[in-house]
C-alpha atoms as a PDB file:
ATOM      1  CA  MET A   1     135.121 103.745  37.389  1.00  0.00           C
ATOM      2  CA  ARG A   2     136.904 107.441  37.997  1.00  0.00           C
ATOM      3  CA  ARG A   3     135.750 110.159  35.432  1.00  0.00           C
ATOM      4  CA  MET A   4     138.717 111.893  33.689  1.00  0.00           C
ATOM      5  CA  ASP A   5     137.610 115.714  34.716  1.00  0.00           C
ATOM      6  CA  GLU A   6     137.841 115.116  38.539  1.00  0.00           C
ATOM      7  CA  LYS A   7     141.855 114.170  38.378  1.00  0.00           C
ATOM      8  CA  GLY A   8     142.915 117.856  38.665  1.00  0.00           C
ATOM      9  CA  VAL A   9     140.592 119.190  41.467  1.00  0.00           C
ATOM     10  CA  SER A  10     142.798 118.093  44.443  1.00  0.00           C
ATOM     11  CA  PRO A  11     146.000 119.613  43.321  1.00  0.00           C
ATOM     12  CA  VAL A  12     144.445 122.907  42.086  1.00  0.00           C
ATOM     13  CA  ILE A  13     142.631 123.463  45.486  1.00  0.00           C
ATOM     14  CA  GLY A  14     146.014 122.645  47.098  1.00  0.00           C
ATOM     15  CA  VAL A  15     147.786 125.425  45.034  1.00  0.00           C
ATOM     16  CA  ILE A  16     145.211 127.932  45.486  1.00  0.00           C
ATOM     17  CA  LEU A  17     145.508 127.357  49.543  1.00  0.00           C
ATOM     18  CA  MET A  18     149.312 127.675  49.461  1.00  0.00           C
ATOM     19  CA  VAL A  19     149.092 131.003  47.491  1.00  0.00           C
ATOM     20  CA  ALA A  20     146.442 132.249  49.963  1.00  0.00           C
ATOM     21  CA  ILE A  21     148.710 131.235  52.977  1.00  0.00           C
ATOM     22  CA  THR A  22     151.740 132.958  51.275  1.00  0.00           C
ATOM     23  CA  VAL A  23     149.705 136.187  50.807  1.00  0.00           C
ATOM     24  CA  ILE A  24     148.747 136.325  54.172  1.00  0.00           C
ATOM     25  CA  LEU A  25     152.113 135.621  55.866  1.00  0.00           C
ATOM     26  CA  ALA A  26     153.740 138.193  53.423  1.00  0.00           C
ATOM     27  CA  ALA A  27     151.182 140.944  54.720  1.00  0.00           C
ATOM     28  CA  VAL A  28     151.720 140.014  58.386  1.00  0.00           C
ATOM     29  CA  ILE A  29     155.666 140.114  58.205  1.00  0.00           C
ATOM     30  CA  ALA A  30     155.229 143.594  55.945  1.00  0.00           C
ATOM     31  CA  SER A  31     153.405 145.077  58.755  1.00  0.00           C
ATOM     32  CA  PHE A  32     155.909 144.488  61.430  1.00  0.00           C
ATOM     33  CA  VAL A  33     158.799 145.453  58.912  1.00  0.00           C
ATOM     34  CA  PHE A  34     157.283 148.666  58.054  1.00  0.00           C
ATOM     35  CA  GLY A  35     156.385 149.671  61.538  1.00  0.00           C
ATOM     36  CA  MET A  36     152.656 149.308  61.416  1.00  0.00           C
ATOM     37  CA  GLY A  37     152.661 147.199  64.552  1.00  0.00           C
ATOM     38  CA  SER A  38     154.509 149.950  66.338  1.00  0.00           C
ATOM     39  CA  SER A  39     152.003 152.611  66.315  1.00  0.00           C
ATOM     40  CA  VAL A  40     150.050 151.156  69.228  1.00  0.00           C
ATOM     41  CA  LYS A  41     150.647 153.425  72.350  1.00  0.00           C
ATOM     42  CA  LYS A  42     151.073 152.041  75.739  1.00  0.00           C
ATOM     43  CA  THR A  43     148.002 151.859  78.011  1.00  0.00           C
ATOM     44  CA  TYR A  44     148.905 153.044  81.381  1.00  0.00           C
ATOM     45  CA  THR A  45     147.335 151.677  84.573  1.00  0.00           C
ATOM     46  CA  ILE A  46     146.418 154.210  87.188  1.00  0.00           C
ATOM     47  CA  ALA A  47     143.163 154.783  89.328  1.00  0.00           C
ATOM     48  CA  VAL A  48     141.035 158.156  89.649  1.00  0.00           C
ATOM     49  CA  THR A  49     137.814 157.947  91.752  1.00  0.00           C
ATOM     50  CA  ALA A  50     134.855 160.109  91.971  1.00  0.00           C
ATOM     51  CA  SER A  51     132.282 160.329  94.836  1.00  0.00           C
ATOM     52  CA  VAL A  52     129.666 162.893  96.018  1.00  0.00           C
ATOM     53  CA  SER A  53     129.510 164.545  99.514  1.00  0.00           C
ATOM     54  CA  GLY A  54     126.494 166.681  99.813  1.00  0.00           C
ATOM     55  CA  ASP A  55     126.727 169.268  96.969  1.00  0.00           C
ATOM     56  CA  ASP A  56     130.506 168.520  96.279  1.00  0.00           C
ATOM     57  CA  ILE A  57     132.086 166.122  93.732  1.00  0.00           C
ATOM     58  CA  ILE A  58     135.300 164.625  95.305  1.00  0.00           C
ATOM     59  CA  ILE A  59     137.945 163.391  92.661  1.00  0.00           C
ATOM     60  CA  THR A  60     140.557 161.254  94.347  1.00  0.00           C
ATOM     61  CA  TYR A  61     144.004 160.031  92.591  1.00  0.00           C
ATOM     62  CA  GLN A  62     144.041 156.398  94.004  1.00  0.00           C
ATOM     63  CA  GLY A  63     147.612 155.667  92.353  1.00  0.00           C
ATOM     64  CA  GLY A  64     148.488 152.370  90.298  1.00  0.00           C
ATOM     65  CA  PRO A  65     151.518 150.688  88.730  1.00  0.00           C
ATOM     66  CA  ASP A  66     152.268 153.643  86.588  1.00  0.00           C
ATOM     67  CA  ALA A  67     151.845 156.332  89.185  1.00  0.00           C
ATOM     68  CA  ASP A  68     155.440 157.724  88.695  1.00  0.00           C
ATOM     69  CA  LYS A  69     154.672 158.258  85.081  1.00  0.00           C
ATOM     70  CA  VAL A  70     152.031 160.805  85.599  1.00  0.00           C
ATOM     71  CA  ASN A  71     152.800 164.481  84.821  1.00  0.00           C
ATOM     72  CA  SER A  72     149.474 165.966  85.197  1.00  0.00           C
ATOM     73  CA  PHE A  73     145.789 165.729  85.295  1.00  0.00           C
ATOM     74  CA  THR A  74     143.219 167.811  83.687  1.00  0.00           C
ATOM     75  CA  ILE A  75     139.764 167.794  84.757  1.00  0.00           C
ATOM     76  CA  THR A  76     137.772 168.534  81.510  1.00  0.00           C
ATOM     77  CA  LYS A  77     134.003 168.218  83.041  1.00  0.00           C
ATOM     78  CA  CYS A  78     132.724 167.967  86.952  1.00  0.00           C
ATOM     79  CA  GLY A  79     129.095 168.164  86.704  1.00  0.00           C
ATOM     80  CA  ASN A  80     128.061 171.700  86.036  1.00  0.00           C
ATOM     81  CA  ALA A  81     130.548 173.285  87.757  1.00  0.00           C
ATOM     82  CA  THR A  82     131.465 176.685  86.183  1.00  0.00           C
ATOM     83  CA  THR A  83     135.302 176.330  87.729  1.00  0.00           C
ATOM     84  CA  LEU A  84     137.202 173.151  87.503  1.00  0.00           C
ATOM     85  CA  PRO A  85     139.465 172.215  90.150  1.00  0.00           C
ATOM     86  CA  THR A  86     143.222 170.887  89.549  1.00  0.00           C
ATOM     87  CA  LEU A  87     144.170 167.430  90.715  1.00  0.00           C
ATOM     88  CA  ASN A  88     147.745 167.124  92.223  1.00  0.00           C
ATOM     89  CA  THR A  89     149.779 164.046  90.946  1.00  0.00           C
ATOM     90  CA  THR A  90     150.512 162.979  94.741  1.00  0.00           C
ATOM     91  CA  VAL A  91     148.851 159.557  95.336  1.00  0.00           C
ATOM     92  CA  GLY A  92     145.644 160.211  97.734  1.00  0.00           C
ATOM     93  CA  SER A  93     145.521 163.975  96.704  1.00  0.00           C
ATOM     94  CA  THR A  94     141.833 165.179  96.028  1.00  0.00           C
ATOM     95  CA  ALA A  95     140.066 167.919  94.403  1.00  0.00           C
ATOM     96  CA  THR A  96     136.727 169.020  94.938  1.00  0.00           C
ATOM     97  CA  CYS A  97     134.091 170.893  92.687  1.00  0.00           C
ATOM     98  CA  THR A  98     131.071 172.439  94.150  1.00  0.00           C
ATOM     99  CA  ASP A  99     128.146 171.675  92.014  1.00  0.00           C
ATOM    100  CA  ALA A 100     124.457 172.694  92.631  1.00  0.00           C
ATOM    101  CA  ALA A 101     122.526 169.623  93.498  1.00  0.00           C
ATOM    102  CA  THR A 102     120.456 168.264  90.772  1.00  0.00           C
ATOM    103  CA  SER A 103     118.277 165.101  90.421  1.00  0.00           C
ATOM    104  CA  GLN A 104     120.645 164.570  87.266  1.00  0.00           C
ATOM    105  CA  PRO A 105     123.848 162.479  87.863  1.00  0.00           C
ATOM    106  CA  ASP A 106     126.882 164.497  87.190  1.00  0.00           C
ATOM    107  CA  HIS A 107     129.451 164.020  84.634  1.00  0.00           C
ATOM    108  CA  VAL A 108     133.122 163.708  85.617  1.00  0.00           C
ATOM    109  CA  VAL A 109     135.870 163.293  83.222  1.00  0.00           C
ATOM    110  CA  VAL A 110     139.790 163.430  84.093  1.00  0.00           C
ATOM    111  CA  VAL A 111     142.604 163.066  81.423  1.00  0.00           C
ATOM    112  CA  ALA A 112     146.000 162.149  82.639  1.00  0.00           C
ATOM    113  CA  THR A 113     149.189 163.146  80.868  1.00  0.00           C
ATOM    114  CA  PHE A 114     152.142 160.917  81.106  1.00  0.00           C
ATOM    115  CA  ALA A 115     155.938 161.600  81.057  1.00  0.00           C
ATOM    116  CA  ASP A 116     155.922 160.295  77.312  1.00  0.00           C
ATOM    117  CA  GLY A 117     153.613 163.072  76.405  1.00  0.00           C
ATOM    118  CA  THR A 118     150.727 160.781  75.728  1.00  0.00           C
ATOM    119  CA  GLU A 119     147.152 161.585  77.308  1.00  0.00           C
ATOM    120  CA  GLN A 120     144.512 159.111  78.574  1.00  0.00           C
ATOM    121  CA  VAL A 121     141.317 159.332  79.951  1.00  0.00           C
ATOM    122  CA  VAL A 122     141.520 157.860  83.359  1.00  0.00           C
ATOM    123  CA  LEU A 123     138.087 158.701  84.705  1.00  0.00           C
ATOM    124  CA  ASP A 124     134.845 159.158  82.748  1.00  0.00           C
ATOM    125  CA  THR A 125     131.737 158.351  84.922  1.00  0.00           C
ATOM    126  CA  TYR A 126     128.639 159.770  86.354  1.00  0.00           C
ATOM    127  CA  VAL A 127     128.151 160.392  89.969  1.00  0.00           C
END
């Protein structure tokens, strides 16, 4: 025999689920309409490598699919070097910084600036 207080459970749960789905769908649509989805910047694909040769750290621009969009490179850290070299935007170009040989790995960070004005760290490594 069926109890009278169990009759309305299923419709109530159904209505709650429908309201929840409607709210989530409205939030997703609103985020696209008001531009929240467009604030993500493009990630460019290029390659820069660093290697050690004696007391020198050699940074090489390897290129990549977005090589033509690079305006400049900034080397913000190159081991313990006091003078930071500059890296040319020509694929295959190298920059060398002389660093006193230490037993610690040297930290190298290279930031690229692209044609649209965005900056992206393209190399952050220890050599």
